[in-house]
Amino acid sequence: MALLAALMLASVPMPSGPAAAAELLMLERPGCVWCERFNAEIAPAYPATAAGRIAPLRRVDLTEPWPHDLTDVAKERVTPTFVLVEDGQEIARMRGYPGDAFFWGLLDDMLAKLPGGADAPAEAI
């Protein structure tokens, strides 16, 4: 029984290094029509995608004080703006929401800029 448990545990993939610190910031503001469109078309599925696992979505309301951990990320006036960051450093930026037909491809391009490249492409749902 113990041998079976050990074999099963050995077959479970273990992380090979430190956890990724990448995240996709969504800079938004109340009343933003394009933010609402993103929320309807992409946001519900995003956490379940490869991109969502590589760079979880973090929302930043531009009407609120700028987060202290984002001092190296430039503020933006256009909403929504998506900023890929890793360890607090900006990697890539997408201004505006281009619609679901173009978002995933542009996000793939952003993820490819992560150090070492993206582990997996974004996936359209």
C-alpha atoms as a PDB file:
ATOM      1  CA  MET A   1       0.000   0.000   0.000  1.00  0.00           C
ATOM      2  CA  ALA A   2       2.789   2.434   0.885  1.00  0.00           C
ATOM      3  CA  LEU A   3       4.575   1.499  -2.351  1.00  0.00           C
ATOM      4  CA  LEU A   4       1.433   2.265  -4.368  1.00  0.00           C
ATOM      5  CA  ALA A   5       1.059   5.650  -2.655  1.00  0.00           C
ATOM      6  CA  ALA A   6       4.725   6.461  -3.315  1.00  0.00           C
ATOM      7  CA  LEU A   7       4.368   5.532  -6.992  1.00  0.00           C
ATOM      8  CA  MET A   8       1.254   7.671  -7.339  1.00  0.00           C
ATOM      9  CA  LEU A   9       2.984  10.638  -5.677  1.00  0.00           C
ATOM     10  CA  ALA A  10       6.005  10.231  -7.944  1.00  0.00           C
ATOM     11  CA  SER A  11       3.768  10.522 -11.013  1.00  0.00           C
ATOM     12  CA  VAL A  12       2.379  13.924  -9.934  1.00  0.00           C
ATOM     13  CA  PRO A  13       4.221  16.698 -11.786  1.00  0.00           C
ATOM     14  CA  MET A  14       6.033  19.006  -9.385  1.00  0.00           C
ATOM     15  CA  PRO A  15       6.912  22.630 -10.101  1.00  0.00           C
ATOM     16  CA  SER A  16      10.431  23.002 -11.447  1.00  0.00           C
ATOM     17  CA  GLY A  17      11.531  26.258  -9.905  1.00  0.00           C
ATOM     18  CA  PRO A  18      10.025  29.279  -8.230  1.00  0.00           C
ATOM     19  CA  ALA A  19       6.411  30.171  -8.873  1.00  0.00           C
ATOM     20  CA  ALA A  20       5.832  32.619 -11.693  1.00  0.00           C
ATOM     21  CA  ALA A  21       5.384  36.179 -10.520  1.00  0.00           C
ATOM     22  CA  ALA A  22       3.810  37.417 -13.745  1.00  0.00           C
ATOM     23  CA  GLU A  23       0.411  39.072 -13.771  1.00  0.00           C
ATOM     24  CA  LEU A  24      -1.733  40.867 -16.313  1.00  0.00           C
ATOM     25  CA  LEU A  25      -2.854  44.234 -14.985  1.00  0.00           C
ATOM     26  CA  MET A  26      -6.117  45.595 -16.305  1.00  0.00           C
ATOM     27  CA  LEU A  27      -6.133  49.351 -15.835  1.00  0.00           C
ATOM     28  CA  GLU A  28      -9.783  50.366 -15.745  1.00  0.00           C
ATOM     29  CA  ARG A  29     -12.173  53.026 -14.535  1.00  0.00           C
ATOM     30  CA  PRO A  30     -15.901  53.025 -13.692  1.00  0.00           C
ATOM     31  CA  GLY A  31     -18.140  53.609 -16.706  1.00  0.00           C
ATOM     32  CA  CYS A  32     -15.594  52.393 -19.276  1.00  0.00           C
ATOM     33  CA  VAL A  33     -17.649  50.791 -22.066  1.00  0.00           C
ATOM     34  CA  TRP A  34     -14.674  48.838 -23.458  1.00  0.00           C
ATOM     35  CA  CYS A  35     -13.866  47.551 -19.965  1.00  0.00           C
ATOM     36  CA  GLU A  36     -17.436  46.271 -19.727  1.00  0.00           C
ATOM     37  CA  ARG A  37     -17.085  44.579 -23.108  1.00  0.00           C
ATOM     38  CA  PHE A  38     -13.860  42.860 -21.964  1.00  0.00           C
ATOM     39  CA  ASN A  39     -15.648  41.814 -18.776  1.00  0.00           C
ATOM     40  CA  ALA A  40     -18.408  40.195 -20.826  1.00  0.00           C
ATOM     41  CA  GLU A  41     -16.279  38.572 -23.543  1.00  0.00           C
ATOM     42  CA  ILE A  42     -12.987  37.549 -21.910  1.00  0.00           C
ATOM     43  CA  ALA A  43     -12.930  37.970 -18.127  1.00  0.00           C
ATOM     44  CA  PRO A  44     -15.175  35.018 -17.184  1.00  0.00           C
ATOM     45  CA  ALA A  45     -13.006  32.480 -19.028  1.00  0.00           C
ATOM     46  CA  TYR A  46      -9.594  34.091 -18.542  1.00  0.00           C
ATOM     47  CA  PRO A  47      -8.627  32.347 -15.266  1.00  0.00           C
ATOM     48  CA  ALA A  48      -9.180  28.910 -16.855  1.00  0.00           C
ATOM     49  CA  THR A  49      -6.883  29.605 -19.835  1.00  0.00           C
ATOM     50  CA  ALA A  50      -3.154  28.946 -20.152  1.00  0.00           C
ATOM     51  CA  ALA A  51      -2.627  32.726 -20.199  1.00  0.00           C
ATOM     52  CA  GLY A  52      -4.631  33.067 -16.988  1.00  0.00           C
ATOM     53  CA  ARG A  53      -2.409  30.512 -15.294  1.00  0.00           C
ATOM     54  CA  ILE A  54       0.786  32.193 -16.543  1.00  0.00           C
ATOM     55  CA  ALA A  55      -0.334  35.758 -15.768  1.00  0.00           C
ATOM     56  CA  PRO A  56      -3.418  36.017 -13.550  1.00  0.00           C
ATOM     57  CA  LEU A  57      -5.595  39.086 -14.108  1.00  0.00           C
ATOM     58  CA  ARG A  58      -5.251  41.892 -11.587  1.00  0.00           C
ATOM     59  CA  ARG A  59      -7.566  44.882 -11.832  1.00  0.00           C
ATOM     60  CA  VAL A  60      -6.330  48.389 -11.058  1.00  0.00           C
ATOM     61  CA  ASP A  61      -8.948  51.135 -10.800  1.00  0.00           C
ATOM     62  CA  LEU A  62      -7.406  54.363 -12.122  1.00  0.00           C
ATOM     63  CA  THR A  63      -9.703  56.454  -9.919  1.00  0.00           C
ATOM     64  CA  GLU A  64      -8.036  54.955  -6.827  1.00  0.00           C
ATOM     65  CA  PRO A  65      -4.517  55.642  -5.488  1.00  0.00           C
ATOM     66  CA  TRP A  66      -1.788  53.890  -7.495  1.00  0.00           C
ATOM     67  CA  PRO A  67      -0.678  50.628  -5.809  1.00  0.00           C
ATOM     68  CA  HIS A  68       2.675  50.872  -4.016  1.00  0.00           C
ATOM     69  CA  ASP A  69       3.989  47.677  -5.598  1.00  0.00           C
ATOM     70  CA  LEU A  70       3.560  49.144  -9.104  1.00  0.00           C
ATOM     71  CA  THR A  71       5.864  52.160  -8.798  1.00  0.00           C
ATOM     72  CA  ASP A  72       7.887  50.962 -11.814  1.00  0.00           C
ATOM     73  CA  VAL A  73       4.770  50.712 -14.004  1.00  0.00           C
ATOM     74  CA  ALA A  74       3.704  53.884 -15.814  1.00  0.00           C
ATOM     75  CA  LYS A  75       0.167  55.107 -15.175  1.00  0.00           C
ATOM     76  CA  GLU A  76      -2.196  55.247 -18.139  1.00  0.00           C
ATOM     77  CA  ARG A  77      -5.134  57.377 -19.225  1.00  0.00           C
ATOM     78  CA  VAL A  78      -6.604  54.988 -21.818  1.00  0.00           C
ATOM     79  CA  THR A  79      -8.921  52.310 -20.458  1.00  0.00           C
ATOM     80  CA  PRO A  80      -8.770  49.488 -20.539  1.00  0.00           C
ATOM     81  CA  THR A  81      -5.027  49.076 -20.776  1.00  0.00           C
ATOM     82  CA  PHE A  82      -3.459  45.688 -20.160  1.00  0.00           C
ATOM     83  CA  VAL A  83       0.054  45.645 -18.725  1.00  0.00           C
ATOM     84  CA  LEU A  84       2.020  42.426 -18.400  1.00  0.00           C
ATOM     85  CA  VAL A  85       4.307  42.661 -15.384  1.00  0.00           C
ATOM     86  CA  GLU A  86       6.716  40.276 -13.769  1.00  0.00           C
ATOM     87  CA  ASP A  87       8.150  40.952 -10.325  1.00  0.00           C
ATOM     88  CA  GLY A  88       6.791  44.511 -10.519  1.00  0.00           C
ATOM     89  CA  GLN A  89       8.531  45.287 -13.822  1.00  0.00           C
ATOM     90  CA  GLU A  90       6.571  46.097 -16.979  1.00  0.00           C
ATOM     91  CA  ILE A  91       7.143  43.592 -19.792  1.00  0.00           C
ATOM     92  CA  ALA A  92       4.515  44.651 -22.371  1.00  0.00           C
ATOM     93  CA  ARG A  93       1.445  46.872 -22.753  1.00  0.00           C
ATOM     94  CA  MET A  94      -1.784  46.723 -24.793  1.00  0.00           C
ATOM     95  CA  ARG A  95      -3.752  49.978 -24.932  1.00  0.00           C
ATOM     96  CA  GLY A  96      -7.464  49.493 -25.424  1.00  0.00           C
ATOM     97  CA  TYR A  97      -9.496  46.344 -25.899  1.00  0.00           C
ATOM     98  CA  PRO A  98      -9.428  45.181 -29.539  1.00  0.00           C
ATOM     99  CA  GLY A  99     -12.304  42.698 -29.178  1.00  0.00           C
ATOM    100  CA  ASP A 100     -12.181  38.974 -28.538  1.00  0.00           C
ATOM    101  CA  ALA A 101     -11.057  38.149 -32.097  1.00  0.00           C
ATOM    102  CA  PHE A 102      -7.751  40.027 -31.661  1.00  0.00           C
ATOM    103  CA  PHE A 103      -7.176  40.012 -27.899  1.00  0.00           C
ATOM    104  CA  TRP A 104      -5.766  36.469 -27.663  1.00  0.00           C
ATOM    105  CA  GLY A 105      -3.200  36.923 -30.437  1.00  0.00           C
ATOM    106  CA  LEU A 106      -1.988  40.211 -28.989  1.00  0.00           C
ATOM    107  CA  LEU A 107      -1.808  38.606 -25.560  1.00  0.00           C
ATOM    108  CA  ASP A 108       0.275  35.749 -27.042  1.00  0.00           C
ATOM    109  CA  ASP A 109       2.735  38.373 -28.320  1.00  0.00           C
ATOM    110  CA  MET A 110       2.913  39.929 -24.858  1.00  0.00           C
ATOM    111  CA  LEU A 111       3.448  36.601 -23.092  1.00  0.00           C
ATOM    112  CA  ALA A 112       6.252  35.709 -25.503  1.00  0.00           C
ATOM    113  CA  LYS A 113       8.170  38.707 -24.107  1.00  0.00           C
ATOM    114  CA  LEU A 114       8.351  37.203 -20.618  1.00  0.00           C
ATOM    115  CA  PRO A 115      11.884  36.185 -19.660  1.00  0.00           C
ATOM    116  CA  GLY A 116      12.373  32.727 -21.106  1.00  0.00           C
ATOM    117  CA  GLY A 117       9.265  33.107 -23.302  1.00  0.00           C
ATOM    118  CA  ALA A 118       5.766  32.033 -22.391  1.00  0.00           C
ATOM    119  CA  ASP A 119       5.298  28.457 -21.213  1.00  0.00           C
ATOM    120  CA  ALA A 120       2.083  28.197 -23.175  1.00  0.00           C
ATOM    121  CA  PRO A 121       0.143  30.410 -25.570  1.00  0.00           C
ATOM    122  CA  ALA A 122      -3.056  32.165 -24.675  1.00  0.00           C
ATOM    123  CA  GLU A 123      -6.039  30.149 -25.757  1.00  0.00           C
ATOM    124  CA  ALA A 124      -9.203  31.503 -27.212  1.00  0.00           C
ATOM    125  CA  ILE A 125     -12.346  30.061 -25.712  1.00  0.00           C
END
